[in-house]
N, C-alpha and C. Protein backbone atom coordinates (compact mmCIF):
# COMPACT_ATOMS: atom_id res chain seq x y z
N MET A 1 -19.90 136.91 -37.91
CA MET A 1 -19.11 136.21 -36.92
C MET A 1 -19.06 137.07 -35.67
N ARG A 2 -19.33 136.46 -34.57
CA ARG A 2 -19.34 137.17 -33.30
C ARG A 2 -18.00 137.00 -32.61
N ASN A 3 -17.48 138.08 -32.10
CA ASN A 3 -16.21 138.06 -31.40
C ASN A 3 -16.48 138.13 -29.90
N THR A 4 -16.18 137.06 -29.20
CA THR A 4 -16.44 137.03 -27.77
C THR A 4 -15.13 136.87 -27.01
N LEU A 5 -14.94 137.69 -26.01
CA LEU A 5 -13.76 137.60 -25.17
C LEU A 5 -14.16 136.99 -23.83
N ILE A 6 -13.58 135.88 -23.53
CA ILE A 6 -13.88 135.23 -22.25
C ILE A 6 -12.67 135.38 -21.36
N CYS A 7 -12.86 136.02 -20.24
CA CYS A 7 -11.78 136.20 -19.28
C CYS A 7 -12.06 135.34 -18.06
N LYS A 8 -11.11 134.53 -17.75
CA LYS A 8 -11.24 133.70 -16.56
C LYS A 8 -9.96 133.80 -15.76
N ALA A 9 -10.12 133.80 -14.49
CA ALA A 9 -8.95 133.75 -13.62
C ALA A 9 -8.33 132.36 -13.76
N PRO A 10 -7.01 132.26 -13.65
CA PRO A 10 -6.40 130.94 -13.77
C PRO A 10 -6.91 130.03 -12.65
N ILE A 11 -7.17 128.80 -13.02
CA ILE A 11 -7.63 127.83 -12.05
C ILE A 11 -6.41 127.09 -11.52
N LEU A 12 -6.21 127.18 -10.23
CA LEU A 12 -5.09 126.49 -9.61
C LEU A 12 -5.57 125.13 -9.12
N ALA A 13 -4.93 124.10 -9.60
CA ALA A 13 -5.31 122.75 -9.18
C ALA A 13 -4.90 122.53 -7.73
N LYS A 14 -5.72 121.77 -7.04
CA LYS A 14 -5.37 121.41 -5.67
C LYS A 14 -4.14 120.52 -5.69
N ARG A 15 -3.31 120.67 -4.69
CA ARG A 15 -2.14 119.82 -4.54
C ARG A 15 -2.58 118.52 -3.88
N HIS A 16 -2.03 117.42 -4.36
CA HIS A 16 -2.42 116.09 -3.89
C HIS A 16 -1.40 115.55 -2.90
N ILE A 17 -1.91 115.08 -1.76
CA ILE A 17 -1.06 114.58 -0.69
C ILE A 17 -1.52 113.18 -0.31
N LEU A 18 -0.55 112.28 -0.16
CA LEU A 18 -0.83 110.93 0.30
C LEU A 18 -0.36 110.80 1.75
N VAL A 19 -1.25 110.36 2.62
CA VAL A 19 -0.93 110.14 4.04
C VAL A 19 -0.89 108.64 4.29
N ILE A 20 0.24 108.17 4.83
CA ILE A 20 0.41 106.75 5.15
C ILE A 20 0.63 106.64 6.66
N ASP A 21 -0.35 106.10 7.36
CA ASP A 21 -0.26 105.94 8.81
C ASP A 21 -1.22 104.85 9.22
N ASP A 22 -0.79 104.01 10.16
CA ASP A 22 -1.65 102.90 10.57
C ASP A 22 -2.73 103.30 11.57
N PHE A 23 -2.64 104.47 12.16
CA PHE A 23 -3.65 104.90 13.12
C PHE A 23 -4.72 105.74 12.43
N THR A 24 -5.95 105.26 12.47
CA THR A 24 -7.06 105.93 11.81
C THR A 24 -7.23 107.36 12.30
N MET A 25 -7.14 107.57 13.60
CA MET A 25 -7.36 108.93 14.15
C MET A 25 -6.27 109.89 13.68
N VAL A 26 -5.05 109.42 13.55
CA VAL A 26 -3.96 110.27 13.06
C VAL A 26 -4.22 110.65 11.60
N ARG A 27 -4.56 109.64 10.79
CA ARG A 27 -4.86 109.91 9.39
C ARG A 27 -6.01 110.89 9.26
N LYS A 28 -7.05 110.70 10.07
CA LYS A 28 -8.22 111.58 10.01
C LYS A 28 -7.84 113.02 10.38
N MET A 29 -7.04 113.18 11.43
CA MET A 29 -6.61 114.53 11.85
C MET A 29 -5.79 115.20 10.75
N ILE A 30 -4.86 114.46 10.16
CA ILE A 30 -4.04 115.01 9.09
C ILE A 30 -4.90 115.36 7.88
N ARG A 31 -5.77 114.43 7.48
CA ARG A 31 -6.64 114.69 6.32
C ARG A 31 -7.50 115.92 6.55
N GLU A 32 -8.20 115.98 7.68
CA GLU A 32 -9.08 117.12 7.94
C GLU A 32 -8.30 118.44 8.00
N THR A 33 -7.14 118.41 8.62
CA THR A 33 -6.31 119.63 8.71
C THR A 33 -5.90 120.09 7.31
N LEU A 34 -5.43 119.17 6.50
CA LEU A 34 -4.96 119.55 5.17
C LEU A 34 -6.10 119.88 4.21
N GLU A 35 -7.23 119.23 4.37
CA GLU A 35 -8.38 119.60 3.53
C GLU A 35 -8.86 121.01 3.86
N LEU A 36 -8.82 121.40 5.13
CA LEU A 36 -9.16 122.77 5.51
C LEU A 36 -8.19 123.77 4.90
N ALA A 37 -6.97 123.35 4.66
CA ALA A 37 -5.96 124.20 4.02
C ALA A 37 -6.01 124.08 2.50
N ASP A 38 -7.04 123.42 1.98
CA ASP A 38 -7.34 123.30 0.55
C ASP A 38 -6.43 122.34 -0.21
N TYR A 39 -6.05 121.25 0.43
CA TYR A 39 -5.31 120.19 -0.23
C TYR A 39 -6.24 119.00 -0.47
N ASP A 40 -5.94 118.22 -1.50
CA ASP A 40 -6.65 116.98 -1.77
C ASP A 40 -5.84 115.86 -1.11
N VAL A 41 -6.47 115.10 -0.22
CA VAL A 41 -5.73 114.13 0.59
C VAL A 41 -6.27 112.72 0.36
N HIS A 42 -5.35 111.79 0.16
CA HIS A 42 -5.68 110.37 0.06
C HIS A 42 -4.97 109.67 1.21
N GLU A 43 -5.60 108.64 1.79
CA GLU A 43 -5.05 107.95 2.95
C GLU A 43 -4.82 106.47 2.66
N THR A 44 -3.75 105.93 3.24
CA THR A 44 -3.54 104.48 3.28
C THR A 44 -3.00 104.13 4.66
N CYS A 45 -3.12 102.84 5.02
CA CYS A 45 -2.77 102.45 6.40
C CYS A 45 -1.41 101.76 6.53
N ASP A 46 -0.70 101.55 5.43
CA ASP A 46 0.66 101.00 5.54
C ASP A 46 1.42 101.29 4.25
N GLY A 47 2.71 101.03 4.29
CA GLY A 47 3.57 101.36 3.15
C GLY A 47 3.21 100.63 1.88
N ARG A 48 2.81 99.38 1.98
CA ARG A 48 2.45 98.62 0.78
C ARG A 48 1.27 99.27 0.07
N GLU A 49 0.23 99.62 0.83
CA GLU A 49 -0.92 100.31 0.23
C GLU A 49 -0.53 101.68 -0.31
N GLY A 50 0.37 102.34 0.38
CA GLY A 50 0.85 103.65 -0.07
C GLY A 50 1.55 103.56 -1.42
N LEU A 51 2.41 102.55 -1.58
CA LEU A 51 3.10 102.38 -2.86
C LEU A 51 2.12 102.04 -3.98
N GLU A 52 1.11 101.23 -3.67
CA GLU A 52 0.08 100.91 -4.67
C GLU A 52 -0.67 102.18 -5.09
N ALA A 53 -0.97 103.05 -4.11
CA ALA A 53 -1.66 104.30 -4.41
C ALA A 53 -0.79 105.19 -5.30
N LEU A 54 0.51 105.22 -5.04
CA LEU A 54 1.42 106.03 -5.87
C LEU A 54 1.53 105.48 -7.28
N GLU A 55 1.44 104.17 -7.41
CA GLU A 55 1.45 103.56 -8.75
C GLU A 55 0.23 104.02 -9.55
N ASN A 56 -0.89 104.17 -8.88
CA ASN A 56 -2.15 104.51 -9.55
C ASN A 56 -2.31 106.00 -9.82
N ALA A 57 -1.74 106.84 -8.98
CA ALA A 57 -1.91 108.29 -9.14
C ALA A 57 -0.75 109.03 -8.47
N PRO A 58 -0.02 109.81 -9.22
CA PRO A 58 1.07 110.57 -8.61
C PRO A 58 0.53 111.62 -7.64
N VAL A 59 1.35 111.99 -6.68
CA VAL A 59 0.97 113.00 -5.69
C VAL A 59 2.08 114.04 -5.62
N ASP A 60 1.76 115.16 -5.00
CA ASP A 60 2.74 116.23 -4.83
C ASP A 60 3.58 116.07 -3.57
N LEU A 61 3.09 115.24 -2.63
CA LEU A 61 3.79 115.07 -1.36
C LEU A 61 3.28 113.80 -0.68
N VAL A 62 4.20 113.07 -0.03
CA VAL A 62 3.83 111.92 0.77
C VAL A 62 4.17 112.23 2.22
N ILE A 63 3.21 111.94 3.12
CA ILE A 63 3.45 112.02 4.55
C ILE A 63 3.37 110.59 5.06
N THR A 64 4.46 110.09 5.66
CA THR A 64 4.44 108.71 6.13
C THR A 64 4.92 108.60 7.57
N ASP A 65 4.20 107.76 8.30
CA ASP A 65 4.62 107.39 9.64
C ASP A 65 5.80 106.43 9.49
N ILE A 66 6.52 106.22 10.57
CA ILE A 66 7.67 105.32 10.53
C ILE A 66 7.29 103.92 11.03
N ILE A 67 6.66 103.84 12.19
CA ILE A 67 6.36 102.54 12.78
C ILE A 67 4.95 102.13 12.38
N MET A 68 4.90 101.12 11.48
CA MET A 68 3.62 100.60 10.98
C MET A 68 3.75 99.12 10.72
N PRO A 69 2.64 98.39 10.75
CA PRO A 69 2.68 96.97 10.38
C PRO A 69 2.76 96.82 8.86
N VAL A 70 2.93 95.61 8.41
CA VAL A 70 2.97 95.20 7.01
C VAL A 70 4.22 95.73 6.31
N MET A 71 4.32 97.03 6.11
CA MET A 71 5.52 97.65 5.52
C MET A 71 5.76 98.94 6.26
N GLU A 72 6.82 98.96 7.06
CA GLU A 72 7.05 100.12 7.92
C GLU A 72 7.61 101.30 7.11
N GLY A 73 7.69 102.46 7.77
CA GLY A 73 7.99 103.70 7.09
C GLY A 73 9.38 103.83 6.50
N LEU A 74 10.41 103.29 7.17
CA LEU A 74 11.76 103.41 6.63
C LEU A 74 11.88 102.65 5.30
N GLU A 75 11.30 101.46 5.24
CA GLU A 75 11.29 100.71 3.99
C GLU A 75 10.44 101.43 2.94
N THR A 76 9.34 102.02 3.38
CA THR A 76 8.48 102.77 2.46
C THR A 76 9.25 103.95 1.86
N ILE A 77 9.98 104.67 2.68
CA ILE A 77 10.78 105.81 2.18
C ILE A 77 11.80 105.33 1.16
N ARG A 78 12.51 104.25 1.44
CA ARG A 78 13.49 103.71 0.48
C ARG A 78 12.82 103.37 -0.85
N GLU A 79 11.65 102.73 -0.80
CA GLU A 79 10.96 102.34 -2.03
C GLU A 79 10.45 103.56 -2.80
N ILE A 80 9.93 104.56 -2.10
CA ILE A 80 9.46 105.78 -2.79
C ILE A 80 10.65 106.45 -3.47
N ARG A 81 11.79 106.54 -2.77
CA ARG A 81 12.99 107.15 -3.35
C ARG A 81 13.39 106.43 -4.62
N LYS A 82 13.30 105.10 -4.59
CA LYS A 82 13.72 104.28 -5.73
C LYS A 82 12.73 104.41 -6.89
N ARG A 83 11.44 104.31 -6.59
CA ARG A 83 10.42 104.24 -7.65
C ARG A 83 9.83 105.59 -8.05
N PHE A 84 9.83 106.55 -7.14
CA PHE A 84 9.25 107.87 -7.40
C PHE A 84 10.22 108.93 -6.87
N PRO A 85 11.41 109.04 -7.48
CA PRO A 85 12.49 109.85 -6.91
C PRO A 85 12.18 111.32 -6.72
N GLY A 86 11.28 111.88 -7.48
CA GLY A 86 10.99 113.32 -7.36
C GLY A 86 9.93 113.66 -6.33
N THR A 87 9.36 112.66 -5.69
CA THR A 87 8.26 112.90 -4.76
C THR A 87 8.79 113.28 -3.38
N PRO A 88 8.43 114.47 -2.89
CA PRO A 88 8.86 114.87 -1.54
C PRO A 88 8.19 114.00 -0.47
N ILE A 89 8.95 113.71 0.58
CA ILE A 89 8.46 112.87 1.67
C ILE A 89 8.62 113.60 2.99
N LEU A 90 7.54 113.65 3.76
CA LEU A 90 7.56 114.14 5.13
C LEU A 90 7.38 112.94 6.04
N ALA A 91 8.41 112.62 6.84
CA ALA A 91 8.33 111.50 7.77
C ALA A 91 7.84 112.00 9.12
N ILE A 92 6.91 111.26 9.70
CA ILE A 92 6.37 111.62 11.01
C ILE A 92 6.50 110.42 11.95
N SER A 93 6.78 110.68 13.21
CA SER A 93 6.88 109.59 14.18
C SER A 93 6.95 110.12 15.59
N SER A 94 6.47 109.28 16.51
CA SER A 94 6.61 109.61 17.93
C SER A 94 7.81 108.87 18.51
N GLY A 95 8.47 108.07 17.71
CA GLY A 95 9.64 107.33 18.16
C GLY A 95 9.32 105.94 18.66
N GLY A 96 8.06 105.59 18.74
CA GLY A 96 7.69 104.25 19.14
C GLY A 96 8.08 103.87 20.54
N GLY A 97 8.23 104.85 21.42
CA GLY A 97 8.58 104.55 22.80
C GLY A 97 10.07 104.38 23.02
N ASN A 98 10.86 104.30 21.96
CA ASN A 98 12.30 104.15 22.09
C ASN A 98 12.97 105.46 21.73
N LYS A 99 13.09 106.35 22.69
CA LYS A 99 13.62 107.69 22.44
C LYS A 99 15.11 107.67 22.09
N SER A 100 15.81 106.58 22.41
CA SER A 100 17.24 106.51 22.09
C SER A 100 17.46 106.22 20.61
N LEU A 101 16.46 105.70 19.95
CA LEU A 101 16.56 105.40 18.53
C LEU A 101 15.98 106.59 17.75
N ASN A 102 16.82 107.28 17.01
CA ASN A 102 16.41 108.48 16.29
C ASN A 102 15.82 108.09 14.92
N LEU A 103 14.57 107.65 14.93
CA LEU A 103 13.92 107.19 13.71
C LEU A 103 13.77 108.29 12.67
N LEU A 104 13.48 109.51 13.11
CA LEU A 104 13.32 110.60 12.14
C LEU A 104 14.65 110.96 11.50
N GLY A 105 15.72 110.88 12.26
CA GLY A 105 17.06 111.11 11.68
C GLY A 105 17.41 110.05 10.66
N ILE A 106 17.08 108.80 10.96
CA ILE A 106 17.31 107.71 10.01
C ILE A 106 16.45 107.92 8.77
N ALA A 107 15.20 108.33 8.97
CA ALA A 107 14.31 108.59 7.82
C ALA A 107 14.90 109.67 6.92
N ARG A 108 15.46 110.68 7.52
CA ARG A 108 16.07 111.77 6.74
C ARG A 108 17.26 111.24 5.92
N ARG A 109 18.08 110.40 6.54
CA ARG A 109 19.23 109.84 5.83
C ARG A 109 18.81 108.91 4.69
N LEU A 110 17.64 108.28 4.84
CA LEU A 110 17.14 107.38 3.80
C LEU A 110 16.42 108.11 2.66
N GLY A 111 16.18 109.40 2.83
CA GLY A 111 15.58 110.14 1.72
C GLY A 111 14.38 110.99 2.04
N ALA A 112 13.91 111.00 3.29
CA ALA A 112 12.81 111.91 3.63
C ALA A 112 13.33 113.34 3.52
N HIS A 113 12.56 114.21 2.91
CA HIS A 113 12.98 115.60 2.75
C HIS A 113 12.85 116.40 4.03
N SER A 114 11.90 116.01 4.88
CA SER A 114 11.66 116.71 6.12
C SER A 114 11.05 115.74 7.12
N THR A 115 11.04 116.15 8.39
CA THR A 115 10.46 115.31 9.43
C THR A 115 9.65 116.17 10.39
N LEU A 116 8.75 115.50 11.09
CA LEU A 116 7.91 116.17 12.08
C LEU A 116 7.63 115.16 13.18
N ALA A 117 8.00 115.53 14.41
CA ALA A 117 7.80 114.63 15.55
C ALA A 117 6.37 114.72 16.05
N LYS A 118 5.78 113.55 16.33
CA LYS A 118 4.45 113.49 16.93
C LYS A 118 4.62 113.69 18.44
N PRO A 119 3.71 114.29 19.10
CA PRO A 119 2.53 114.97 18.54
C PRO A 119 2.91 116.33 17.96
N PHE A 120 2.21 116.74 16.91
CA PHE A 120 2.43 118.06 16.31
C PHE A 120 1.09 118.76 16.21
N THR A 121 1.14 120.07 16.09
CA THR A 121 -0.09 120.85 15.99
C THR A 121 -0.53 120.91 14.53
N PRO A 122 -1.81 121.15 14.30
CA PRO A 122 -2.26 121.34 12.92
C PRO A 122 -1.50 122.47 12.22
N ASP A 123 -1.24 123.56 12.93
CA ASP A 123 -0.49 124.68 12.33
C ASP A 123 0.90 124.25 11.91
N ALA A 124 1.58 123.47 12.75
CA ALA A 124 2.93 123.00 12.41
C ALA A 124 2.89 122.12 11.17
N LEU A 125 1.88 121.28 11.06
CA LEU A 125 1.73 120.41 9.90
C LEU A 125 1.53 121.22 8.63
N VAL A 126 0.58 122.14 8.66
CA VAL A 126 0.28 122.94 7.46
C VAL A 126 1.50 123.78 7.07
N THR A 127 2.18 124.35 8.04
CA THR A 127 3.37 125.15 7.75
C THR A 127 4.43 124.31 7.06
N ARG A 128 4.69 123.12 7.59
CA ARG A 128 5.72 122.24 7.01
C ARG A 128 5.32 121.80 5.61
N VAL A 129 4.05 121.45 5.40
CA VAL A 129 3.59 121.04 4.07
C VAL A 129 3.74 122.18 3.08
N ARG A 130 3.33 123.38 3.47
CA ARG A 130 3.47 124.55 2.57
C ARG A 130 4.94 124.79 2.22
N GLN A 131 5.83 124.70 3.22
CA GLN A 131 7.26 124.90 2.96
C GLN A 131 7.78 123.88 1.96
N MET A 132 7.42 122.63 2.18
CA MET A 132 7.92 121.58 1.29
C MET A 132 7.40 121.73 -0.13
N LEU A 133 6.13 122.07 -0.28
CA LEU A 133 5.57 122.25 -1.62
C LEU A 133 6.14 123.49 -2.30
N ALA A 134 6.41 124.54 -1.54
CA ALA A 134 7.03 125.74 -2.10
C ALA A 134 8.45 125.43 -2.57
N GLU A 135 9.19 124.64 -1.78
CA GLU A 135 10.54 124.24 -2.19
C GLU A 135 10.49 123.41 -3.46
N ARG A 136 9.52 122.53 -3.57
CA ARG A 136 9.39 121.70 -4.76
C ARG A 136 9.10 122.56 -5.98
N GLN A 137 8.22 123.54 -5.78
CA GLN A 137 7.87 124.46 -6.88
C GLN A 137 9.12 125.22 -7.33
N THR A 138 9.91 125.68 -6.37
CA THR A 138 11.15 126.42 -6.69
C THR A 138 12.14 125.52 -7.42
N ASP A 139 12.28 124.27 -6.95
CA ASP A 139 13.18 123.31 -7.60
C ASP A 139 12.76 123.04 -9.03
N ARG A 140 11.46 122.87 -9.26
CA ARG A 140 10.94 122.62 -10.62
C ARG A 140 11.19 123.81 -11.53
N ALA A 141 10.98 125.01 -11.00
CA ALA A 141 11.20 126.21 -11.81
C ALA A 141 12.67 126.35 -12.17
N ALA A 142 13.56 126.03 -11.24
CA ALA A 142 14.99 126.14 -11.49
C ALA A 142 15.46 125.13 -12.54
N THR A 143 14.90 123.93 -12.54
CA THR A 143 15.32 122.92 -13.49
C THR A 143 14.69 123.13 -14.87
N SER A 144 13.62 123.90 -14.96
CA SER A 144 12.99 124.13 -16.26
C SER A 144 13.59 125.34 -16.99
N ASP A 145 14.45 126.08 -16.30
CA ASP A 145 15.08 127.25 -16.95
C ASP A 145 16.15 126.87 -17.93
């Protein structure tokens, strides 16, 4: 009988992120930025498609725009909170031209864990995503003790 010792470094799975935004260029910028930071990114163009994607495969984080057709972001946040309560949500928005309406503040009150105003830099996005995922990891570790 041969005794073989196989040593492998632990394989860290990529974190999965769902991006929900109706603008193709915004989704592309977010996807490319996060893929360069070694995340696995899936895209949808509205809240309804986003919820369907979550039904099919859980993710570590959702990034959703607020103003979208079909199913807008505030409704999407409420539904994610109801159906996938442990999933962190980053709400993004430029305010839709109505600066008096604090959409990101409303998103936060409805259950978004964090917000980011458009336009944002790729560095700001990656920093916020890393912070949110680190907080989730800490929360999971605390609840498993």
